[in-house]
């Protein structure tokens, strides 16, 4: 029988916060989110003119944001339009707010 060396049960909030943090861990993704905040929606081609990077690189960053749920896409071949996902955005704001208000400690006896 195999045992994990460090068995830890993470709360759903901790796991969600980690997924969001990973999605936000690159400056290009932050820039994409800022652009989408200013514009109701953007097409992939518009993003490549605003962020001087290859289409494939932008697409990789969009994929990470999509997987985290922070943005949503609408495919209308040959174009894909991306927008902020308002429900996930509100959830992210709440998770980060609670995290920073509590100093990251959900329930901790750190003395």
Protein backbone atom coordinates (compact mmCIF):
# COMPACT_ATOMS: atom_id res chain seq x y z
CA UNK A 1 0.00 0.00 0.00
CA UNK A 2 1.39 3.39 -1.07
CA UNK A 3 1.07 6.32 1.27
CA UNK A 4 1.51 9.94 0.43
CA UNK A 5 4.48 11.50 2.16
CA UNK A 6 2.56 14.64 2.98
CA UNK A 7 -1.19 13.99 2.97
CA UNK A 8 -3.03 17.29 3.12
CA UNK A 9 -6.69 17.94 2.64
CA UNK A 10 -7.18 21.34 1.08
CA UNK A 11 -10.44 23.19 1.31
CA UNK A 12 -12.32 24.00 -1.86
CA UNK A 13 -11.49 27.66 -1.24
CA UNK A 14 -7.78 26.93 -1.01
CA UNK A 15 -7.86 24.90 -4.20
CA UNK A 16 -9.87 27.56 -6.04
CA UNK A 17 -7.49 30.28 -4.86
CA UNK A 18 -4.50 28.26 -6.08
CA UNK A 19 -6.06 27.79 -9.54
CA UNK A 20 -6.79 31.51 -9.80
CA UNK A 21 -3.33 32.44 -8.56
CA UNK A 22 -1.71 30.21 -11.15
CA UNK A 23 -3.84 31.78 -13.89
CA UNK A 24 -2.79 35.24 -12.73
CA UNK A 25 0.89 34.34 -12.44
CA UNK A 26 2.03 35.80 -15.76
CA UNK A 27 2.09 39.52 -16.67
CA UNK A 28 0.62 38.85 -20.12
CA UNK A 29 -2.45 37.30 -18.50
CA UNK A 30 -2.79 40.31 -16.23
CA UNK A 31 -2.59 42.57 -19.30
CA UNK A 32 -5.23 40.50 -21.11
CA UNK A 33 -7.58 40.79 -18.13
CA UNK A 34 -6.97 44.54 -17.92
CA UNK A 35 -7.77 44.92 -21.62
CA UNK A 36 -10.93 42.85 -21.27
CA UNK A 37 -11.98 44.96 -18.29
CA UNK A 38 -11.71 48.11 -20.40
CA UNK A 39 -13.44 46.63 -23.43
CA UNK A 40 -16.64 44.64 -23.09
CA UNK A 41 -15.10 41.91 -25.26
CA UNK A 42 -12.11 41.45 -27.54
CA UNK A 43 -11.36 39.25 -30.51
CA UNK A 44 -8.13 37.28 -30.45
CA UNK A 45 -6.79 39.28 -33.40
CA UNK A 46 -7.35 42.54 -31.55
CA UNK A 47 -5.34 41.24 -28.61
CA UNK A 48 -2.35 40.50 -30.83
CA UNK A 49 -2.32 44.11 -31.99
CA UNK A 50 -2.52 45.37 -28.40
CA UNK A 51 0.02 42.89 -27.03
CA UNK A 52 2.96 42.49 -29.41
CA UNK A 53 3.25 38.71 -29.27
CA UNK A 54 2.61 35.83 -31.61
CA UNK A 55 -0.97 34.62 -31.97
CA UNK A 56 0.03 31.20 -30.62
CA UNK A 57 1.51 32.76 -27.46
CA UNK A 58 -1.60 34.87 -26.85
CA UNK A 59 -3.71 31.75 -27.38
CA UNK A 60 -1.75 29.85 -24.72
CA UNK A 61 -2.36 32.62 -22.21
CA UNK A 62 -6.05 32.81 -23.15
CA UNK A 63 -6.30 29.05 -22.63
CA UNK A 64 -4.92 29.37 -19.07
CA UNK A 65 -7.44 32.11 -18.28
CA UNK A 66 -10.26 30.06 -19.82
CA UNK A 67 -9.31 26.97 -17.81
CA UNK A 68 -9.39 29.02 -14.61
CA UNK A 69 -12.80 30.34 -15.65
CA UNK A 70 -11.78 34.00 -15.47
CA UNK A 71 -12.74 34.60 -19.09
CA UNK A 72 -15.23 33.06 -21.46
CA UNK A 73 -15.05 32.69 -25.21
CA UNK A 74 -17.55 32.75 -28.01
CA UNK A 75 -16.48 31.02 -31.20
CA UNK A 76 -17.78 32.50 -34.45
CA UNK A 77 -15.44 31.03 -37.08
CA UNK A 78 -13.01 32.32 -38.05
CA UNK A 79 -13.00 34.59 -34.99
CA UNK A 80 -13.08 33.95 -31.25
CA UNK A 81 -14.33 36.67 -28.94
CA UNK A 82 -13.30 36.73 -25.28
CA UNK A 83 -14.93 38.46 -22.32
CA UNK A 84 -14.52 38.53 -18.56
CA UNK A 85 -16.65 35.83 -16.91
CA UNK A 86 -18.58 38.01 -14.43
CA UNK A 87 -19.56 35.17 -12.08
CA UNK A 88 -16.02 33.80 -11.78
CA UNK A 89 -14.63 37.32 -11.54
CA UNK A 90 -16.90 38.03 -8.54
CA UNK A 91 -15.90 34.70 -6.97
CA UNK A 92 -12.20 35.51 -7.46
CA UNK A 93 -12.62 38.94 -5.88
CA UNK A 94 -14.32 37.38 -2.87
CA UNK A 95 -11.71 34.62 -2.46
CA UNK A 96 -8.79 37.05 -2.67
CA UNK A 97 -10.54 39.54 -0.39
CA UNK A 98 -11.07 36.91 2.31
CA UNK A 99 -7.52 35.63 1.85
CA UNK A 100 -5.94 39.06 2.30
CA UNK A 101 -8.30 40.15 5.09
CA UNK A 102 -7.41 37.07 7.14
CA UNK A 103 -3.72 37.17 6.28
CA UNK A 104 -4.19 33.92 4.38
CA UNK A 105 -5.23 32.02 7.49
CA UNK A 106 -8.68 30.47 7.26
CA UNK A 107 -8.42 29.01 10.74
CA UNK A 108 -4.99 29.14 12.26
CA UNK A 109 -3.39 29.07 15.64
CA UNK A 110 -0.07 30.56 14.54
CA UNK A 111 1.41 31.35 17.92
